[in-house]
Amino acid sequence: MPAKPLTREQKQDAERLRGIYEKRKDESRLSQKRLSQESLADEFGFSAQATVNQYLVGKIPLNVKTAVKFAEHLKCKVSDFSPSIQHEIDRLSKYASENVEPCYRSEEEEQYLVMLELLLSVERSTAMNVLATLVDSLCKQRKKPRTKKGSGVYSQDLNK
């Protein structure tokens, strides 16, 4: 059975999406992480680049899930390329549960994130020294000797 042809609106959505994609692709030429249909296919979990192309040229109609994936990766809003899908997302959000508690990090998790950000902002040798000191401190608290090889996994991970 042949696929149902796309509506005029769906074709316009694909055109707008392709315009955003081309703009982001041109912008990515200046960065180390180049945008391509292949990279999007990998990110989206598609088996082939051709699937991304079919969305961009209007052969496959966009759906909410795919539209959100494109918006996330192209750093735009769904409404930038598909007002109708954005309307559907807005409609669905009215029925979202209000009883769900938002996900919060504990104070300890927040402190770990701050420390990690600080470690990532300093030179590698400084970070290594800080990690070695932390490992020594943890080993003393647990009364276990530190291995002679240094910080073990920590130093290996930072050297990657």
N, C-alpha and C. Protein backbone atom coordinates (compact mmCIF):
# COMPACT_ATOMS: atom_id res chain seq x y z
N MET A 1 0.85 -1.18 0.00
CA MET A 1 0.00 0.00 0.00
C MET A 1 0.90 1.24 0.00
N PRO A 2 0.71 2.15 -0.96
CA PRO A 2 1.55 3.34 -1.03
C PRO A 2 1.28 4.28 0.15
N ALA A 3 2.32 5.02 0.51
CA ALA A 3 2.20 5.94 1.64
C ALA A 3 1.23 7.07 1.29
N LYS A 4 0.53 7.53 2.28
CA LYS A 4 -0.40 8.65 2.11
C LYS A 4 0.42 9.91 1.81
N PRO A 5 0.05 10.68 0.80
CA PRO A 5 0.83 11.89 0.48
C PRO A 5 0.73 12.91 1.61
N LEU A 6 1.82 13.67 1.77
CA LEU A 6 1.84 14.69 2.81
C LEU A 6 0.91 15.84 2.44
N THR A 7 0.34 16.45 3.45
CA THR A 7 -0.50 17.61 3.24
C THR A 7 0.38 18.81 2.92
N ARG A 8 -0.23 19.87 2.46
CA ARG A 8 0.51 21.11 2.16
C ARG A 8 1.20 21.62 3.43
N GLU A 9 0.49 21.56 4.54
CA GLU A 9 1.05 22.02 5.81
C GLU A 9 2.27 21.19 6.21
N GLN A 10 2.20 19.87 6.04
CA GLN A 10 3.33 19.01 6.38
C GLN A 10 4.54 19.30 5.49
N LYS A 11 4.28 19.59 4.23
CA LYS A 11 5.37 19.94 3.32
C LYS A 11 6.00 21.27 3.73
N GLN A 12 5.18 22.22 4.16
CA GLN A 12 5.71 23.51 4.62
C GLN A 12 6.54 23.33 5.90
N ASP A 13 6.07 22.45 6.79
CA ASP A 13 6.84 22.14 8.01
C ASP A 13 8.23 21.61 7.63
N ALA A 14 8.25 20.68 6.66
CA ALA A 14 9.52 20.09 6.21
C ALA A 14 10.43 21.15 5.61
N GLU A 15 9.87 22.08 4.85
CA GLU A 15 10.67 23.17 4.26
C GLU A 15 11.29 24.05 5.35
N ARG A 16 10.48 24.40 6.33
CA ARG A 16 10.99 25.23 7.43
C ARG A 16 12.07 24.48 8.21
N LEU A 17 11.82 23.20 8.47
CA LEU A 17 12.81 22.38 9.18
C LEU A 17 14.10 22.30 8.38
N ARG A 18 14.00 22.08 7.08
CA ARG A 18 15.20 22.01 6.25
C ARG A 18 15.97 23.33 6.28
N GLY A 19 15.25 24.45 6.29
CA GLY A 19 15.90 25.76 6.37
C GLY A 19 16.69 25.91 7.66
N ILE A 20 16.10 25.49 8.77
CA ILE A 20 16.79 25.56 10.06
C ILE A 20 18.00 24.63 10.06
N TYR A 21 17.81 23.41 9.52
CA TYR A 21 18.91 22.45 9.44
C TYR A 21 20.07 23.03 8.64
N GLU A 22 19.78 23.60 7.46
CA GLU A 22 20.84 24.15 6.62
C GLU A 22 21.57 25.30 7.33
N LYS A 23 20.83 26.13 8.03
CA LYS A 23 21.45 27.24 8.78
C LYS A 23 22.38 26.70 9.87
N ARG A 24 21.91 25.72 10.63
CA ARG A 24 22.72 25.13 11.70
C ARG A 24 23.94 24.39 11.13
N LYS A 25 23.74 23.77 9.98
CA LYS A 25 24.84 23.06 9.32
C LYS A 25 25.93 24.05 8.92
N ASP A 26 25.53 25.18 8.34
CA ASP A 26 26.50 26.22 7.96
C ASP A 26 27.22 26.76 9.19
N GLU A 27 26.48 26.98 10.27
CA GLU A 27 27.09 27.49 11.51
C GLU A 27 28.07 26.48 12.09
N SER A 28 27.78 25.19 11.92
CA SER A 28 28.63 24.15 12.51
C SER A 28 29.96 24.01 11.78
N ARG A 29 30.08 24.57 10.60
CA ARG A 29 31.34 24.48 9.86
C ARG A 29 32.48 25.17 10.61
N LEU A 30 32.12 26.12 11.47
CA LEU A 30 33.12 26.84 12.26
C LEU A 30 33.50 26.10 13.53
N SER A 31 32.70 25.11 13.91
CA SER A 31 32.98 24.39 15.15
C SER A 31 33.59 23.02 14.86
N GLN A 32 34.04 22.37 15.92
CA GLN A 32 34.64 21.05 15.75
C GLN A 32 33.59 19.97 15.53
N LYS A 33 32.39 20.17 16.06
CA LYS A 33 31.33 19.18 15.91
C LYS A 33 30.45 19.59 14.74
N ARG A 34 30.70 18.98 13.59
CA ARG A 34 29.98 19.31 12.36
C ARG A 34 28.62 18.62 12.36
N LEU A 35 27.62 19.36 11.94
CA LEU A 35 26.27 18.82 11.83
C LEU A 35 26.11 18.17 10.46
N SER A 36 25.55 16.99 10.46
CA SER A 36 25.28 16.30 9.20
C SER A 36 24.04 15.43 9.39
N GLN A 37 23.49 14.99 8.28
CA GLN A 37 22.35 14.08 8.37
C GLN A 37 22.77 12.78 9.03
N GLU A 38 24.00 12.35 8.78
CA GLU A 38 24.51 11.12 9.39
C GLU A 38 24.59 11.28 10.91
N SER A 39 25.10 12.44 11.38
CA SER A 39 25.22 12.63 12.83
C SER A 39 23.84 12.69 13.48
N LEU A 40 22.87 13.32 12.81
CA LEU A 40 21.52 13.35 13.36
C LEU A 40 20.91 11.95 13.39
N ALA A 41 21.12 11.17 12.34
CA ALA A 41 20.60 9.80 12.31
C ALA A 41 21.15 9.00 13.49
N ASP A 42 22.45 9.14 13.75
CA ASP A 42 23.05 8.46 14.90
C ASP A 42 22.43 8.92 16.21
N GLU A 43 22.29 10.24 16.37
CA GLU A 43 21.72 10.80 17.61
C GLU A 43 20.27 10.35 17.81
N PHE A 44 19.52 10.27 16.73
CA PHE A 44 18.10 9.91 16.81
C PHE A 44 17.88 8.41 16.91
N GLY A 45 18.91 7.62 16.64
CA GLY A 45 18.76 6.17 16.67
C GLY A 45 18.16 5.61 15.39
N PHE A 46 18.24 6.39 14.30
CA PHE A 46 17.76 5.91 13.01
C PHE A 46 18.81 4.99 12.40
N SER A 47 18.36 4.04 11.61
CA SER A 47 19.31 3.09 11.02
C SER A 47 20.07 3.69 9.84
N ALA A 48 19.55 4.78 9.26
CA ALA A 48 20.22 5.34 8.09
C ALA A 48 20.02 6.85 8.01
N GLN A 49 20.98 7.50 7.37
CA GLN A 49 20.91 8.93 7.12
C GLN A 49 19.72 9.27 6.24
N ALA A 50 19.33 8.33 5.39
CA ALA A 50 18.22 8.55 4.45
C ALA A 50 16.93 8.91 5.18
N THR A 51 16.73 8.39 6.37
CA THR A 51 15.52 8.70 7.13
C THR A 51 15.48 10.18 7.48
N VAL A 52 16.61 10.72 7.93
CA VAL A 52 16.68 12.15 8.24
C VAL A 52 16.38 12.95 6.97
N ASN A 53 16.99 12.55 5.88
CA ASN A 53 16.77 13.24 4.61
C ASN A 53 15.29 13.23 4.22
N GLN A 54 14.62 12.10 4.42
CA GLN A 54 13.21 12.00 4.06
C GLN A 54 12.34 12.95 4.89
N TYR A 55 12.70 13.16 6.14
CA TYR A 55 11.98 14.16 6.95
C TYR A 55 12.25 15.56 6.40
N LEU A 56 13.50 15.84 6.05
CA LEU A 56 13.89 17.18 5.61
C LEU A 56 13.32 17.55 4.24
N VAL A 57 13.11 16.58 3.38
CA VAL A 57 12.58 16.88 2.05
C VAL A 57 11.07 16.64 1.96
N GLY A 58 10.46 16.25 3.07
CA GLY A 58 9.01 16.09 3.08
C GLY A 58 8.49 14.81 2.50
N LYS A 59 9.25 13.74 2.63
CA LYS A 59 8.78 12.43 2.17
C LYS A 59 8.08 11.68 3.31
N ILE A 60 8.52 11.95 4.55
CA ILE A 60 7.93 11.33 5.74
C ILE A 60 7.36 12.46 6.58
N PRO A 61 6.11 12.32 7.05
CA PRO A 61 5.55 13.38 7.90
C PRO A 61 6.17 13.37 9.30
N LEU A 62 6.41 14.55 9.82
CA LEU A 62 6.93 14.67 11.18
C LEU A 62 5.86 14.25 12.18
N ASN A 63 6.30 13.75 13.32
CA ASN A 63 5.41 13.47 14.43
C ASN A 63 5.98 14.18 15.66
N VAL A 64 5.27 14.15 16.76
CA VAL A 64 5.69 14.88 17.96
C VAL A 64 7.08 14.44 18.40
N LYS A 65 7.29 13.13 18.50
CA LYS A 65 8.56 12.62 19.01
C LYS A 65 9.74 13.05 18.13
N THR A 66 9.60 12.91 16.83
CA THR A 66 10.68 13.27 15.92
C THR A 66 10.88 14.79 15.88
N ALA A 67 9.78 15.54 15.93
CA ALA A 67 9.89 17.00 15.94
C ALA A 67 10.66 17.48 17.16
N VAL A 68 10.41 16.88 18.30
CA VAL A 68 11.13 17.25 19.53
C VAL A 68 12.61 16.91 19.40
N LYS A 69 12.92 15.77 18.81
CA LYS A 69 14.34 15.40 18.59
C LYS A 69 15.04 16.43 17.71
N PHE A 70 14.39 16.81 16.61
CA PHE A 70 14.98 17.82 15.74
C PHE A 70 15.17 19.13 16.50
N ALA A 71 14.15 19.55 17.24
CA ALA A 71 14.23 20.82 17.98
C ALA A 71 15.38 20.79 18.99
N GLU A 72 15.53 19.68 19.71
CA GLU A 72 16.62 19.56 20.69
C GLU A 72 17.98 19.68 20.02
N HIS A 73 18.16 18.97 18.93
CA HIS A 73 19.48 18.92 18.28
C HIS A 73 19.78 20.14 17.43
N LEU A 74 18.75 20.80 16.94
CA LEU A 74 18.97 22.01 16.13
C LEU A 74 18.85 23.28 16.98
N LYS A 75 18.62 23.08 18.28
CA LYS A 75 18.54 24.19 19.24
C LYS A 75 17.52 25.25 18.78
N CYS A 76 16.31 24.77 18.60
CA CYS A 76 15.21 25.66 18.23
C CYS A 76 13.95 25.15 18.92
N LYS A 77 12.85 25.79 18.65
CA LYS A 77 11.56 25.34 19.19
C LYS A 77 10.80 24.62 18.08
N VAL A 78 9.97 23.69 18.47
CA VAL A 78 9.15 22.98 17.49
C VAL A 78 8.31 23.98 16.71
N SER A 79 7.83 25.02 17.38
CA SER A 79 6.99 26.02 16.71
C SER A 79 7.75 26.77 15.61
N ASP A 80 9.09 26.74 15.65
CA ASP A 80 9.88 27.40 14.60
C ASP A 80 9.69 26.73 13.24
N PHE A 81 9.35 25.44 13.25
CA PHE A 81 9.16 24.74 11.97
C PHE A 81 7.80 24.07 11.83
N SER A 82 7.09 23.83 12.93
CA SER A 82 5.79 23.19 12.82
C SER A 82 4.80 23.72 13.86
N PRO A 83 4.08 24.77 13.51
CA PRO A 83 3.07 25.30 14.44
C PRO A 83 2.01 24.25 14.80
N SER A 84 1.65 23.38 13.88
CA SER A 84 0.61 22.38 14.17
C SER A 84 1.10 21.34 15.18
N ILE A 85 2.34 20.90 15.06
CA ILE A 85 2.87 19.94 16.03
C ILE A 85 3.05 20.63 17.38
N GLN A 86 3.48 21.89 17.38
CA GLN A 86 3.58 22.63 18.64
C GLN A 86 2.21 22.71 19.31
N HIS A 87 1.16 22.94 18.52
CA HIS A 87 -0.20 22.99 19.05
C HIS A 87 -0.57 21.65 19.68
N GLU A 88 -0.19 20.56 19.03
CA GLU A 88 -0.46 19.22 19.56
C GLU A 88 0.29 19.00 20.88
N ILE A 89 1.53 19.44 20.95
CA ILE A 89 2.32 19.33 22.19
C ILE A 89 1.65 20.13 23.30
N ASP A 90 1.22 21.35 22.98
CA ASP A 90 0.54 22.18 23.98
C ASP A 90 -0.75 21.52 24.45
N ARG A 91 -1.50 20.95 23.51
CA ARG A 91 -2.75 20.27 23.87
C ARG A 91 -2.49 19.09 24.80
N LEU A 92 -1.47 18.29 24.47
CA LEU A 92 -1.13 17.13 25.30
C LEU A 92 -0.65 17.55 26.68
N SER A 93 0.06 18.66 26.75
CA SER A 93 0.61 19.08 28.05
C SER A 93 -0.49 19.46 29.04
N LYS A 94 -1.67 19.79 28.54
CA LYS A 94 -2.79 20.12 29.44
C LYS A 94 -3.20 18.91 30.27
N TYR A 95 -2.88 17.72 29.78
CA TYR A 95 -3.30 16.50 30.45
C TYR A 95 -2.16 15.84 31.23
N ALA A 96 -1.07 16.54 31.33
CA ALA A 96 0.06 16.01 32.11
C ALA A 96 -0.31 16.02 33.58
N SER A 97 0.20 15.07 34.30
CA SER A 97 -0.10 14.95 35.72
C SER A 97 0.48 16.12 36.49
N GLU A 98 -0.33 16.68 37.36
CA GLU A 98 0.14 17.77 38.20
C GLU A 98 0.66 17.25 39.53
N ASN A 99 0.47 15.96 39.78
CA ASN A 99 0.88 15.37 41.05
C ASN A 99 2.31 14.85 41.04
N VAL A 100 2.99 14.99 39.91
CA VAL A 100 4.35 14.49 39.81
C VAL A 100 5.29 15.51 40.46
N GLU A 101 6.08 15.02 41.38
CA GLU A 101 7.04 15.90 42.05
C GLU A 101 8.20 16.19 41.11
N PRO A 102 8.64 17.45 41.04
CA PRO A 102 9.80 17.74 40.21
C PRO A 102 11.04 17.03 40.75
N CYS A 103 11.95 16.74 39.87
CA CYS A 103 13.18 16.05 40.25
C CYS A 103 14.19 17.07 40.78
N TYR A 104 14.56 16.94 42.02
CA TYR A 104 15.54 17.84 42.62
C TYR A 104 16.80 17.08 42.97
N ARG A 105 17.92 17.77 42.91
CA ARG A 105 19.18 17.17 43.35
C ARG A 105 19.32 17.43 44.84
N SER A 106 19.95 16.48 45.52
CA SER A 106 20.23 16.69 46.93
C SER A 106 21.34 17.72 47.06
N GLU A 107 21.50 18.24 48.25
CA GLU A 107 22.57 19.22 48.50
C GLU A 107 23.93 18.60 48.22
N GLU A 108 24.08 17.32 48.58
CA GLU A 108 25.34 16.63 48.34
C GLU A 108 25.62 16.50 46.83
N GLU A 109 24.58 16.17 46.05
CA GLU A 109 24.75 16.07 44.61
C GLU A 109 25.12 17.42 44.00
N GLU A 110 24.51 18.48 44.49
CA GLU A 110 24.83 19.82 44.01
C GLU A 110 26.30 20.16 44.30
N GLN A 111 26.78 19.78 45.49
CA GLN A 111 28.17 20.03 45.85
C GLN A 111 29.12 19.26 44.94
N TYR A 112 28.78 18.01 44.63
CA TYR A 112 29.60 17.22 43.71
C TYR A 112 29.66 17.87 42.34
N LEU A 113 28.53 18.38 41.87
CA LEU A 113 28.50 19.02 40.56
C LEU A 113 29.36 20.29 40.54
N VAL A 114 29.31 21.05 41.62
CA VAL A 114 30.13 22.25 41.72
C VAL A 114 31.61 21.88 41.70
N MET A 115 31.97 20.84 42.47
CA MET A 115 33.37 20.40 42.49
C MET A 115 33.81 19.91 41.11
N LEU A 116 32.94 19.19 40.44
CA LEU A 116 33.27 18.68 39.11
C LEU A 116 33.48 19.84 38.14
N GLU A 117 32.61 20.84 38.18
CA GLU A 117 32.77 22.00 37.31
C GLU A 117 34.09 22.71 37.59
N LEU A 118 34.44 22.82 38.86
CA LEU A 118 35.71 23.46 39.21
C LEU A 118 36.89 22.65 38.68
N LEU A 119 36.83 21.33 38.84
CA LEU A 119 37.93 20.48 38.34
C LEU A 119 38.07 20.59 36.83
N LEU A 120 36.96 20.69 36.14
CA LEU A 120 37.01 20.78 34.69
C LEU A 120 37.52 22.15 34.22
N SER A 121 37.49 23.13 35.10
CA SER A 121 37.91 24.47 34.70
C SER A 121 39.39 24.75 34.97
N VAL A 122 40.10 23.84 35.64
CA VAL A 122 41.50 24.08 35.95
C VAL A 122 42.39 23.19 35.08
N GLU A 123 43.68 23.48 35.12
CA GLU A 123 44.64 22.67 34.35
C GLU A 123 44.62 21.23 34.84
N ARG A 124 44.98 20.33 33.94
CA ARG A 124 44.95 18.90 34.24
C ARG A 124 45.82 18.56 35.46
N SER A 125 47.03 19.12 35.53
CA SER A 125 47.92 18.78 36.65
C SER A 125 47.31 19.21 37.98
N THR A 126 46.67 20.37 37.99
CA THR A 126 46.02 20.84 39.22
C THR A 126 44.87 19.91 39.57
N ALA A 127 44.08 19.53 38.58
CA ALA A 127 42.96 18.62 38.82
C ALA A 127 43.47 17.29 39.36
N MET A 128 44.58 16.80 38.80
CA MET A 128 45.15 15.53 39.27
C MET A 128 45.57 15.63 40.73
N ASN A 129 46.20 16.73 41.10
CA ASN A 129 46.62 16.92 42.49
C ASN A 129 45.42 16.97 43.43
N VAL A 130 44.37 17.67 43.01
CA VAL A 130 43.16 17.76 43.84
C VAL A 130 42.54 16.38 43.99
N LEU A 131 42.45 15.63 42.89
CA LEU A 131 41.89 14.29 42.98
C LEU A 131 42.73 13.37 43.85
N ALA A 132 44.04 13.47 43.74
CA ALA A 132 44.91 12.63 44.57
C ALA A 132 44.69 12.95 46.05
N THR A 133 44.55 14.23 46.37
CA THR A 133 44.29 14.64 47.75
C THR A 133 42.95 14.10 48.23
N LEU A 134 41.94 14.17 47.37
CA LEU A 134 40.62 13.65 47.74
C LEU A 134 40.67 12.14 47.97
N VAL A 135 41.38 11.43 47.10
CA VAL A 135 41.49 9.98 47.26
C VAL A 135 42.21 9.64 48.56
N ASP A 136 43.30 10.36 48.87
CA ASP A 136 44.01 10.15 50.15
C ASP A 136 43.06 10.36 51.32
N SER A 137 42.30 11.43 51.25
CA SER A 137 41.38 11.75 52.33
C SER A 137 40.32 10.68 52.49
N LEU A 138 39.76 10.21 51.38
CA LEU A 138 38.76 9.14 51.46
C LEU A 138 39.35 7.85 52.00
N CYS A 139 40.57 7.55 51.57
CA CYS A 139 41.22 6.33 52.06
C CYS A 139 41.47 6.39 53.56
N LYS A 140 41.86 7.56 54.04
CA LYS A 140 42.08 7.72 55.48
C LYS A 140 40.78 7.55 56.24
N GLN A 141 39.68 8.10 55.68
CA GLN A 141 38.39 7.97 56.34
C GLN A 141 37.94 6.51 56.40
N ARG A 142 38.25 5.76 55.37
CA ARG A 142 37.85 4.34 55.31
C ARG A 142 38.93 3.43 55.86
N LYS A 143 40.04 4.02 56.24
CA LYS A 143 41.17 3.29 56.81
C LYS A 143 41.69 2.21 55.87
N LYS A 144 41.73 2.56 54.58
CA LYS A 144 42.28 1.66 53.58
C LYS A 144 43.46 2.37 52.94
N PRO A 145 44.58 1.67 52.76
CA PRO A 145 45.73 2.32 52.13
C PRO A 145 45.48 2.59 50.65
N ARG A 146 46.05 3.69 50.19
CA ARG A 146 45.96 4.04 48.78
C ARG A 146 46.93 3.17 48.00
N THR A 147 46.57 2.79 46.79
CA THR A 147 47.47 1.96 45.99
C THR A 147 48.70 2.76 45.61
N LYS A 148 49.81 2.06 45.37
CA LYS A 148 51.06 2.73 45.04
C LYS A 148 51.04 3.36 43.66
N LYS A 149 50.12 2.93 42.80
CA LYS A 149 50.08 3.45 41.44
C LYS A 149 49.47 4.85 41.38
N GLY A 150 49.08 5.42 42.45
CA GLY A 150 48.48 6.75 42.43
C GLY A 150 46.98 6.64 42.61
N SER A 151 46.27 7.41 41.86
CA SER A 151 44.82 7.47 42.05
C SER A 151 44.09 6.44 41.21
N GLY A 152 44.79 5.54 40.58
CA GLY A 152 44.15 4.47 39.84
C GLY A 152 43.22 4.97 38.75
N VAL A 153 41.96 4.67 38.85
CA VAL A 153 40.96 4.99 37.83
C VAL A 153 40.89 6.49 37.59
N TYR A 154 41.03 7.29 38.67
CA TYR A 154 40.90 8.73 38.51
C TYR A 154 41.93 9.29 37.54
N SER A 155 43.17 8.89 37.70
CA SER A 155 44.23 9.43 36.83
C SER A 155 44.06 8.91 35.41
N GLN A 156 43.61 7.66 35.26
CA GLN A 156 43.41 7.12 33.92
C GLN A 156 42.31 7.89 33.19
N ASP A 157 41.21 8.20 33.90
CA ASP A 157 40.09 8.90 33.27
C ASP A 157 40.47 10.31 32.84
N LEU A 158 41.26 11.01 33.64
CA LEU A 158 41.64 12.38 33.30
C LEU A 158 42.62 12.43 32.14
N ASN A 159 43.38 11.37 31.95
CA ASN A 159 44.37 11.38 30.87
C ASN A 159 43.78 11.07 29.50
N LYS A 160 42.51 10.74 29.47
CA LYS A 160 41.86 10.41 28.18
C LYS A 160 41.62 11.67 27.39
